[in-house]
Amino acid sequence: MKKYLYDYINDLEKKLKNDIKKSDIDELINKINFFSHERLIHLIVTLFFALITLGFTIVCFNYSNYFLYCITLILYVMLLFYVVHYYYLENGVQYLYKVYDKMIKKINN
């Protein structure tokens, strides 16, 4: 998803150098809606995963078990990757908002 989003942003930046059509803006609005939905799903998954990780952390404090420690460590590593992925997705969508504003200014001038 990250590659797809940033490839689309690069295509938009190339389009900004040329003439912008109304269909380009409509396509961007459609993509923003898709990416926003994807962002919401990833937020829900990340929060759910964080709660599971927190639960395992609490269990590890109550029970001294190496198996639980290993699972909790794996969950923390996976949570880190989820947060990093969500970070890029969030910043990419927010950048699409800025590109949309630039396209509107360019088409109105």
N, C-alpha and C. Protein backbone atom coordinates (compact mmCIF):
# COMPACT_ATOMS: atom_id res chain seq x y z
N MET A 1 0.83 -1.19 0.00
CA MET A 1 0.00 0.00 0.00
C MET A 1 0.88 1.26 0.00
N LYS A 2 1.96 1.20 0.76
CA LYS A 2 2.84 2.37 0.83
C LYS A 2 3.42 2.70 -0.55
N LYS A 3 3.87 1.69 -1.25
CA LYS A 3 4.44 1.90 -2.58
C LYS A 3 3.39 2.45 -3.54
N TYR A 4 2.20 1.88 -3.48
CA TYR A 4 1.10 2.33 -4.35
C TYR A 4 0.77 3.80 -4.09
N LEU A 5 0.69 4.17 -2.81
CA LEU A 5 0.37 5.54 -2.44
C LEU A 5 1.43 6.51 -2.92
N TYR A 6 2.70 6.18 -2.68
CA TYR A 6 3.76 7.11 -3.06
C TYR A 6 4.01 7.14 -4.57
N ASP A 7 3.72 6.04 -5.26
CA ASP A 7 3.76 6.09 -6.73
C ASP A 7 2.67 7.00 -7.26
N TYR A 8 1.50 6.94 -6.65
CA TYR A 8 0.40 7.82 -7.06
C TYR A 8 0.74 9.29 -6.78
N ILE A 9 1.38 9.55 -5.64
CA ILE A 9 1.79 10.92 -5.32
C ILE A 9 2.80 11.42 -6.35
N ASN A 10 3.75 10.58 -6.75
CA ASN A 10 4.72 10.99 -7.77
C ASN A 10 4.04 11.29 -9.10
N ASP A 11 3.04 10.48 -9.47
CA ASP A 11 2.29 10.75 -10.70
C ASP A 11 1.55 12.07 -10.61
N LEU A 12 0.99 12.36 -9.45
CA LEU A 12 0.28 13.63 -9.27
C LEU A 12 1.22 14.82 -9.37
N GLU A 13 2.41 14.69 -8.82
CA GLU A 13 3.37 15.79 -8.89
C GLU A 13 3.78 16.05 -10.34
N LYS A 14 3.87 15.00 -11.14
CA LYS A 14 4.16 15.18 -12.57
C LYS A 14 3.00 15.88 -13.26
N LYS A 15 1.77 15.51 -12.89
CA LYS A 15 0.59 16.14 -13.48
C LYS A 15 0.50 17.61 -13.10
N LEU A 16 0.96 17.95 -11.90
CA LEU A 16 0.90 19.35 -11.46
C LEU A 16 1.76 20.26 -12.33
N LYS A 17 2.80 19.70 -12.93
CA LYS A 17 3.67 20.50 -13.80
C LYS A 17 2.99 20.80 -15.13
N ASN A 18 2.01 19.96 -15.50
CA ASN A 18 1.28 20.14 -16.75
C ASN A 18 -0.09 20.75 -16.45
N ASP A 19 -0.93 20.75 -17.44
CA ASP A 19 -2.29 21.25 -17.26
C ASP A 19 -3.12 20.26 -16.45
N ILE A 20 -3.95 20.80 -15.59
CA ILE A 20 -4.82 20.00 -14.74
C ILE A 20 -6.23 20.05 -15.32
N LYS A 21 -6.88 18.89 -15.39
CA LYS A 21 -8.26 18.83 -15.85
C LYS A 21 -9.16 18.53 -14.66
N LYS A 22 -10.44 18.78 -14.86
CA LYS A 22 -11.43 18.48 -13.82
C LYS A 22 -11.44 16.99 -13.51
N SER A 23 -11.22 16.16 -14.51
CA SER A 23 -11.23 14.71 -14.28
C SER A 23 -10.06 14.28 -13.37
N ASP A 24 -8.94 15.01 -13.44
CA ASP A 24 -7.81 14.72 -12.55
C ASP A 24 -8.19 14.99 -11.09
N ILE A 25 -8.92 16.07 -10.87
CA ILE A 25 -9.35 16.40 -9.51
C ILE A 25 -10.38 15.39 -9.02
N ASP A 26 -11.29 14.99 -9.90
CA ASP A 26 -12.28 13.98 -9.51
C ASP A 26 -11.61 12.65 -9.16
N GLU A 27 -10.61 12.28 -9.94
CA GLU A 27 -9.86 11.05 -9.65
C GLU A 27 -9.14 11.16 -8.31
N LEU A 28 -8.56 12.32 -8.04
CA LEU A 28 -7.86 12.53 -6.77
C LEU A 28 -8.82 12.43 -5.59
N ILE A 29 -10.00 13.00 -5.72
CA ILE A 29 -10.98 12.91 -4.63
C ILE A 29 -11.36 11.45 -4.40
N ASN A 30 -11.54 10.70 -5.47
CA ASN A 30 -11.87 9.29 -5.36
C ASN A 30 -10.74 8.52 -4.66
N LYS A 31 -9.51 8.78 -5.05
CA LYS A 31 -8.36 8.11 -4.42
C LYS A 31 -8.22 8.51 -2.95
N ILE A 32 -8.47 9.78 -2.64
CA ILE A 32 -8.41 10.21 -1.25
C ILE A 32 -9.43 9.44 -0.42
N ASN A 33 -10.62 9.24 -0.97
CA ASN A 33 -11.63 8.46 -0.25
C ASN A 33 -11.17 7.03 -0.02
N PHE A 34 -10.57 6.41 -1.03
CA PHE A 34 -10.07 5.04 -0.88
C PHE A 34 -8.95 4.97 0.16
N PHE A 35 -8.01 5.91 0.05
CA PHE A 35 -6.90 5.91 1.00
C PHE A 35 -7.35 6.24 2.42
N SER A 36 -8.36 7.09 2.54
CA SER A 36 -8.89 7.40 3.88
C SER A 36 -9.55 6.18 4.50
N HIS A 37 -10.25 5.42 3.68
CA HIS A 37 -10.85 4.18 4.18
C HIS A 37 -9.76 3.21 4.62
N GLU A 38 -8.73 3.09 3.82
CA GLU A 38 -7.59 2.22 4.15
C GLU A 38 -6.93 2.69 5.45
N ARG A 39 -6.82 3.98 5.60
CA ARG A 39 -6.22 4.56 6.81
C ARG A 39 -7.05 4.23 8.04
N LEU A 40 -8.38 4.31 7.92
CA LEU A 40 -9.26 3.98 9.03
C LEU A 40 -9.12 2.51 9.42
N ILE A 41 -9.09 1.63 8.44
CA ILE A 41 -8.95 0.20 8.71
C ILE A 41 -7.62 -0.07 9.41
N HIS A 42 -6.55 0.55 8.93
CA HIS A 42 -5.24 0.34 9.56
C HIS A 42 -5.19 0.93 10.97
N LEU A 43 -5.90 2.01 11.21
CA LEU A 43 -5.96 2.57 12.55
C LEU A 43 -6.65 1.59 13.50
N ILE A 44 -7.75 1.02 13.06
CA ILE A 44 -8.48 0.06 13.89
C ILE A 44 -7.62 -1.17 14.16
N VAL A 45 -6.95 -1.69 13.14
CA VAL A 45 -6.09 -2.86 13.33
C VAL A 45 -4.93 -2.53 14.26
N THR A 46 -4.33 -1.36 14.09
CA THR A 46 -3.20 -0.97 14.94
C THR A 46 -3.64 -0.83 16.40
N LEU A 47 -4.78 -0.20 16.62
CA LEU A 47 -5.27 -0.06 18.00
C LEU A 47 -5.62 -1.41 18.61
N PHE A 48 -6.24 -2.28 17.84
CA PHE A 48 -6.57 -3.62 18.32
C PHE A 48 -5.29 -4.39 18.67
N PHE A 49 -4.30 -4.28 17.80
CA PHE A 49 -3.03 -4.95 18.04
C PHE A 49 -2.33 -4.37 19.26
N ALA A 50 -2.43 -3.07 19.47
CA ALA A 50 -1.82 -2.45 20.64
C ALA A 50 -2.50 -2.94 21.92
N LEU A 51 -3.82 -3.11 21.87
CA LEU A 51 -4.53 -3.63 23.05
C LEU A 51 -4.12 -5.07 23.35
N ILE A 52 -3.98 -5.88 22.32
CA ILE A 52 -3.53 -7.26 22.52
C ILE A 52 -2.12 -7.27 23.13
N THR A 53 -1.25 -6.42 22.60
CA THR A 53 0.12 -6.33 23.12
C THR A 53 0.12 -5.87 24.58
N LEU A 54 -0.71 -4.90 24.88
CA LEU A 54 -0.82 -4.43 26.26
C LEU A 54 -1.33 -5.55 27.17
N GLY A 55 -2.30 -6.30 26.69
CA GLY A 55 -2.82 -7.43 27.47
C GLY A 55 -1.74 -8.46 27.76
N PHE A 56 -0.95 -8.79 26.75
CA PHE A 56 0.12 -9.76 26.97
C PHE A 56 1.19 -9.19 27.91
N THR A 57 1.42 -7.88 27.84
CA THR A 57 2.38 -7.26 28.75
C THR A 57 1.91 -7.38 30.20
N ILE A 58 0.64 -7.13 30.42
CA ILE A 58 0.08 -7.24 31.78
C ILE A 58 0.16 -8.69 32.27
N VAL A 59 -0.15 -9.62 31.38
CA VAL A 59 -0.05 -11.04 31.76
C VAL A 59 1.39 -11.41 32.10
N CYS A 60 2.35 -10.86 31.35
CA CYS A 60 3.77 -11.15 31.62
C CYS A 60 4.20 -10.64 33.00
N PHE A 61 3.62 -9.53 33.46
CA PHE A 61 3.95 -9.02 34.77
C PHE A 61 3.41 -9.94 35.87
N ASN A 62 2.29 -10.60 35.58
CA ASN A 62 1.67 -11.47 36.59
C ASN A 62 2.24 -12.89 36.59
N TYR A 63 2.66 -13.37 35.43
CA TYR A 63 3.17 -14.73 35.32
C TYR A 63 4.57 -14.71 34.72
N SER A 64 5.48 -15.35 35.35
CA SER A 64 6.85 -15.40 34.85
C SER A 64 6.99 -16.64 33.97
N ASN A 65 6.88 -16.42 32.66
CA ASN A 65 6.92 -17.52 31.71
C ASN A 65 7.67 -17.05 30.47
N TYR A 66 8.71 -17.77 30.09
CA TYR A 66 9.52 -17.35 28.94
C TYR A 66 8.73 -17.39 27.64
N PHE A 67 7.80 -18.31 27.53
CA PHE A 67 6.96 -18.38 26.34
C PHE A 67 6.13 -17.10 26.18
N LEU A 68 5.57 -16.61 27.28
CA LEU A 68 4.82 -15.35 27.23
C LEU A 68 5.73 -14.18 26.90
N TYR A 69 6.95 -14.21 27.44
CA TYR A 69 7.90 -13.14 27.12
C TYR A 69 8.21 -13.11 25.63
N CYS A 70 8.39 -14.28 25.04
CA CYS A 70 8.69 -14.36 23.60
C CYS A 70 7.52 -13.85 22.77
N ILE A 71 6.31 -14.27 23.14
CA ILE A 71 5.13 -13.80 22.40
C ILE A 71 4.99 -12.30 22.52
N THR A 72 5.20 -11.77 23.72
CA THR A 72 5.08 -10.32 23.93
C THR A 72 6.14 -9.56 23.14
N LEU A 73 7.34 -10.08 23.10
CA LEU A 73 8.40 -9.44 22.31
C LEU A 73 8.03 -9.42 20.83
N ILE A 74 7.54 -10.54 20.33
CA ILE A 74 7.12 -10.61 18.92
C ILE A 74 5.99 -9.62 18.66
N LEU A 75 5.04 -9.52 19.58
CA LEU A 75 3.94 -8.57 19.42
C LEU A 75 4.42 -7.13 19.39
N TYR A 76 5.41 -6.81 20.24
CA TYR A 76 5.96 -5.44 20.22
C TYR A 76 6.66 -5.13 18.90
N VAL A 77 7.37 -6.09 18.36
CA VAL A 77 8.04 -5.87 17.08
C VAL A 77 7.01 -5.67 15.97
N MET A 78 5.98 -6.51 15.97
CA MET A 78 4.93 -6.37 14.97
C MET A 78 4.18 -5.05 15.13
N LEU A 79 3.93 -4.65 16.37
CA LEU A 79 3.26 -3.38 16.62
C LEU A 79 4.09 -2.21 16.10
N LEU A 80 5.39 -2.30 16.27
CA LEU A 80 6.26 -1.26 15.73
C LEU A 80 6.10 -1.14 14.22
N PHE A 81 6.06 -2.27 13.53
CA PHE A 81 5.88 -2.22 12.08
C PHE A 81 4.50 -1.68 11.69
N TYR A 82 3.47 -2.04 12.46
CA TYR A 82 2.13 -1.49 12.20
C TYR A 82 2.12 0.02 12.36
N VAL A 83 2.76 0.51 13.40
CA VAL A 83 2.78 1.96 13.66
C VAL A 83 3.55 2.68 12.55
N VAL A 84 4.67 2.13 12.12
CA VAL A 84 5.45 2.74 11.04
C VAL A 84 4.64 2.76 9.75
N HIS A 85 3.96 1.66 9.45
CA HIS A 85 3.14 1.61 8.23
C HIS A 85 2.01 2.64 8.31
N TYR A 86 1.37 2.72 9.46
CA TYR A 86 0.29 3.70 9.62
C TYR A 86 0.82 5.12 9.52
N TYR A 87 2.01 5.37 10.02
CA TYR A 87 2.63 6.69 9.93
C TYR A 87 2.77 7.12 8.46
N TYR A 88 3.31 6.23 7.62
CA TYR A 88 3.47 6.57 6.21
C TYR A 88 2.13 6.73 5.51
N LEU A 89 1.17 5.92 5.86
CA LEU A 89 -0.15 6.03 5.27
C LEU A 89 -0.82 7.35 5.66
N GLU A 90 -0.73 7.70 6.91
CA GLU A 90 -1.32 8.96 7.40
C GLU A 90 -0.66 10.17 6.73
N ASN A 91 0.65 10.19 6.69
CA ASN A 91 1.35 11.32 6.08
C ASN A 91 1.08 11.40 4.58
N GLY A 92 0.97 10.26 3.93
CA GLY A 92 0.68 10.25 2.49
C GLY A 92 -0.69 10.82 2.19
N VAL A 93 -1.68 10.45 2.97
CA VAL A 93 -3.04 10.96 2.75
C VAL A 93 -3.09 12.45 3.05
N GLN A 94 -2.42 12.88 4.09
CA GLN A 94 -2.40 14.31 4.39
C GLN A 94 -1.70 15.09 3.28
N TYR A 95 -0.69 14.49 2.67
CA TYR A 95 -0.02 15.15 1.55
C TYR A 95 -0.97 15.23 0.35
N LEU A 96 -1.82 14.22 0.17
CA LEU A 96 -2.80 14.27 -0.91
C LEU A 96 -3.75 15.45 -0.74
N TYR A 97 -4.07 15.79 0.50
CA TYR A 97 -4.90 16.97 0.75
C TYR A 97 -4.21 18.23 0.23
N LYS A 98 -2.92 18.33 0.47
CA LYS A 98 -2.16 19.50 0.00
C LYS A 98 -2.10 19.54 -1.53
N VAL A 99 -1.93 18.37 -2.13
CA VAL A 99 -1.90 18.30 -3.60
C VAL A 99 -3.26 18.71 -4.16
N TYR A 100 -4.32 18.29 -3.49
CA TYR A 100 -5.67 18.68 -3.92
C TYR A 100 -5.82 20.20 -3.88
N ASP A 101 -5.35 20.83 -2.81
CA ASP A 101 -5.41 22.30 -2.72
C ASP A 101 -4.61 22.95 -3.84
N LYS A 102 -3.44 22.41 -4.15
CA LYS A 102 -2.63 22.96 -5.25
C LYS A 102 -3.35 22.81 -6.58
N MET A 103 -4.01 21.67 -6.78
CA MET A 103 -4.72 21.45 -8.04
C MET A 103 -5.91 22.40 -8.18
N ILE A 104 -6.61 22.64 -7.09
CA ILE A 104 -7.74 23.57 -7.12
C ILE A 104 -7.25 24.98 -7.44
N LYS A 105 -6.14 25.39 -6.82
CA LYS A 105 -5.60 26.73 -7.10
C LYS A 105 -5.17 26.84 -8.55
N LYS A 106 -4.56 25.79 -9.06
CA LYS A 106 -4.06 25.83 -10.44
C LYS A 106 -5.21 25.86 -11.44
N ILE A 107 -6.27 25.13 -11.18
CA ILE A 107 -7.38 25.10 -12.13
C ILE A 107 -8.20 26.39 -12.07
N ASN A 108 -8.20 27.06 -10.92
CA ASN A 108 -8.95 28.31 -10.79
C ASN A 108 -8.20 29.51 -11.35
N ASN A 109 -6.90 29.37 -11.54
CA ASN A 109 -6.12 30.50 -12.09
C ASN A 109 -6.04 30.47 -13.57
